[in-house]
Protein backbone atom coordinates (compact mmCIF):
# COMPACT_ATOMS: atom_id res chain seq x y z
CA MET A 1 0.02 -15.29 120.24
CA PRO A 2 -0.51 -11.99 122.08
CA ASP A 3 -0.83 -8.74 120.16
CA ALA A 4 2.41 -6.84 119.73
CA PRO A 5 2.62 -3.53 121.55
CA ALA A 6 2.00 -0.41 119.47
CA ALA A 7 5.02 1.35 118.03
CA PRO A 8 6.26 4.28 120.12
CA GLN A 9 4.57 7.64 119.47
CA THR A 10 7.80 9.15 118.15
CA ILE A 11 7.95 6.50 115.43
CA ARG A 12 4.23 6.62 114.61
CA ALA A 13 4.58 10.37 114.02
CA LEU A 14 7.03 9.82 111.14
CA PRO A 15 5.55 9.97 107.62
CA SER A 16 8.10 7.41 106.45
CA TRP A 17 6.96 4.92 109.11
CA LEU A 18 3.27 5.43 108.31
CA LEU A 19 3.89 5.16 104.57
CA GLY A 20 5.87 1.98 105.13
CA ARG A 21 3.09 0.43 107.23
CA ALA A 22 0.44 1.47 104.69
CA ALA A 23 2.55 0.05 101.84
CA ALA A 24 3.08 -3.22 103.72
CA ARG A 25 -0.66 -3.55 104.32
CA GLY A 26 -1.38 -2.76 100.68
CA HIS A 27 1.15 -5.34 99.51
CA ARG A 28 -0.36 -8.00 101.77
CA LEU A 29 -3.88 -7.28 100.51
CA VAL A 30 -2.92 -7.22 96.83
CA ALA A 31 -0.62 -10.25 97.09
CA ALA A 32 -3.40 -12.26 98.75
CA ALA A 33 -5.90 -11.18 96.09
CA LEU A 34 -3.57 -12.05 93.21
CA ALA A 35 -2.73 -15.40 94.79
CA ARG A 36 -6.40 -16.34 94.39
CA ALA A 37 -5.71 -16.17 90.64
CA ASP A 38 -2.38 -18.00 91.04
CA LEU A 39 -0.28 -14.95 90.18
CA ARG A 40 2.47 -13.10 92.03
CA MET A 41 2.69 -9.31 92.17
CA THR A 42 5.75 -9.03 89.92
CA HIS A 43 4.09 -11.25 87.33
CA HIS A 44 0.94 -9.10 87.47
CA ALA A 45 3.04 -5.96 87.00
CA VAL A 46 4.62 -7.46 83.90
CA LEU A 47 1.23 -8.54 82.53
CA ALA A 48 -0.08 -5.00 83.13
CA ALA A 49 2.87 -3.46 81.31
CA VAL A 50 2.52 -5.90 78.40
CA ALA A 51 -1.23 -5.18 78.21
CA GLU A 52 -0.49 -1.47 77.97
CA LEU A 53 2.65 -1.46 75.80
CA ALA A 54 2.38 -4.54 73.54
CA PRO A 55 3.96 -5.41 71.33
CA VAL A 56 6.93 -4.48 73.50
CA SER A 57 10.53 -5.65 73.44
CA GLN A 58 11.78 -7.61 76.40
CA ALA A 59 14.43 -4.94 77.04
CA ASP A 60 11.92 -2.06 76.92
CA LEU A 61 9.59 -3.99 79.20
CA GLY A 62 12.34 -4.43 81.78
CA ARG A 63 13.33 -0.76 81.58
CA SER A 64 9.73 0.43 81.93
CA LEU A 65 9.31 -1.54 85.17
CA GLY A 66 12.84 -1.12 86.50
CA VAL A 67 13.39 -4.89 86.45
CA ASP A 68 16.87 -6.33 85.93
CA PRO A 69 17.14 -8.06 82.53
CA LYS A 70 18.03 -11.43 84.10
CA ASP A 71 14.98 -11.21 86.39
CA MET A 72 12.79 -10.21 83.45
CA VAL A 73 13.85 -13.35 81.57
CA VAL A 74 12.80 -15.50 84.55
CA ILE A 75 9.45 -13.73 84.90
CA LEU A 76 8.72 -13.98 81.16
CA ASN A 77 9.73 -17.64 81.16
CA ASP A 78 7.20 -18.24 83.95
CA LEU A 79 4.47 -16.30 82.16
CA GLN A 80 5.17 -18.04 78.86
CA ALA A 81 5.20 -21.48 80.52
CA ASP A 82 1.76 -20.64 81.96
CA GLY A 83 0.55 -19.63 78.49
CA LEU A 84 0.02 -15.98 79.49
CA VAL A 85 2.43 -14.24 77.09
CA THR A 86 3.95 -14.92 73.71
CA ARG A 87 7.47 -14.01 72.59
CA ARG A 88 8.05 -13.60 68.88
CA PRO A 89 10.80 -11.98 66.88
CA ASP A 90 10.15 -8.22 66.74
CA PRO A 91 9.26 -7.33 63.12
CA ARG A 92 11.13 -4.01 63.50
CA ASP A 93 14.29 -5.67 64.82
CA ARG A 94 14.53 -9.45 64.55
CA ARG A 95 17.33 -9.52 67.15
CA LYS A 96 14.71 -8.62 69.78
CA ASN A 97 11.65 -10.42 71.10
CA ALA A 98 8.24 -8.74 70.98
CA ILE A 99 6.10 -9.66 73.98
CA GLU A 100 2.30 -9.81 73.82
CA LEU A 101 -0.50 -11.21 75.94
CA SER A 102 -2.02 -14.49 74.85
CA ALA A 103 -5.80 -14.93 75.02
CA GLU A 104 -5.36 -16.67 78.39
CA GLY A 105 -3.01 -13.87 79.48
CA ARG A 106 -5.71 -11.30 78.68
CA ARG A 107 -8.29 -13.30 80.63
CA ARG A 108 -6.00 -13.72 83.64
CA PHE A 109 -4.92 -10.07 83.50
CA ASP A 110 -8.54 -8.90 83.46
CA LEU A 111 -9.23 -11.09 86.50
CA THR A 112 -6.17 -9.94 88.45
CA GLU A 113 -6.83 -6.32 87.55
CA ARG A 114 -10.29 -6.65 89.14
CA LEU A 115 -8.90 -8.49 92.18
CA GLY A 116 -6.20 -5.86 92.62
CA ARG A 117 -8.73 -3.01 92.43
CA GLU A 118 -10.85 -4.75 95.07
CA ALA A 119 -7.81 -5.13 97.35
CA ASN A 120 -6.93 -1.47 96.88
CA ASP A 121 -10.52 -0.50 97.64
CA GLU A 122 -10.22 -2.45 100.88
CA LEU A 123 -6.98 -0.62 101.69
CA VAL A 124 -8.57 2.83 101.36
CA ALA A 125 -12.02 1.85 102.66
CA PRO A 126 -11.71 4.07 105.77
CA LEU A 127 -11.41 7.14 103.51
CA THR A 128 -14.11 9.13 101.76
CA PRO A 129 -13.93 9.36 97.96
CA ARG A 130 -12.54 12.90 98.26
CA GLU A 131 -9.91 11.74 100.76
CA ARG A 132 -8.92 8.94 98.37
CA GLU A 133 -8.35 11.48 95.60
CA GLN A 134 -6.33 13.66 97.95
CA LEU A 135 -4.26 10.70 99.12
CA MET A 136 -3.47 9.66 95.55
CA ALA A 137 -2.47 13.21 94.58
CA LEU A 138 -0.26 13.58 97.65
CA LEU A 139 1.38 10.19 97.19
CA ALA A 140 2.05 10.96 93.52
CA ARG A 141 3.81 14.18 94.55
CA ILE A 142 5.91 12.32 97.11
CA VAL A 143 6.85 9.52 94.71
CA ASP A 144 7.86 11.87 91.89
CA PRO A 145 7.77 15.54 92.86
CA ASP A 146 8.73 16.67 89.34
CA GLU A 147 6.11 14.75 87.36
CA PRO A 148 2.36 15.31 87.40
CA CYS A 149 0.57 12.01 87.87
CA GLY A 150 -2.79 10.90 86.52
CA PRO A 151 -5.12 8.38 88.09
CA ALA A 152 -3.26 5.39 89.46
CA ARG A 153 -3.97 1.77 88.70
CA VAL A 154 -3.26 -1.36 90.62
């Protein structure tokens, strides 16, 4: 299959186009890395949130990630079926479930966290360490201009 022609100069000069292409490349790299550990990106994001927030209610977990409650149920069902998370009645409110990582969930999360960092390192490999810091600071300002952002994770 022949290489596709380059996008026109007028398009390549748009920040939105470049950001979209960079994001697409980053998603491909991270998705491929996580697939080596048999995990999808949305599942990794949920594991990361649970690792940071646990014990966390299912509803709070969904809100923190901006995931629709019905989709969150499906993701948590997958993660629980794989033995990566546990759902127990929340001791503060028994009407809610408290989500935590299982021992296997912690192991898999640690692995995917490393794989994701490696994929992100590959994404920014053409940049110097100082340029990487600048890129992260600039992207954080674009993503949320009203909120200062600390160091990003996978």
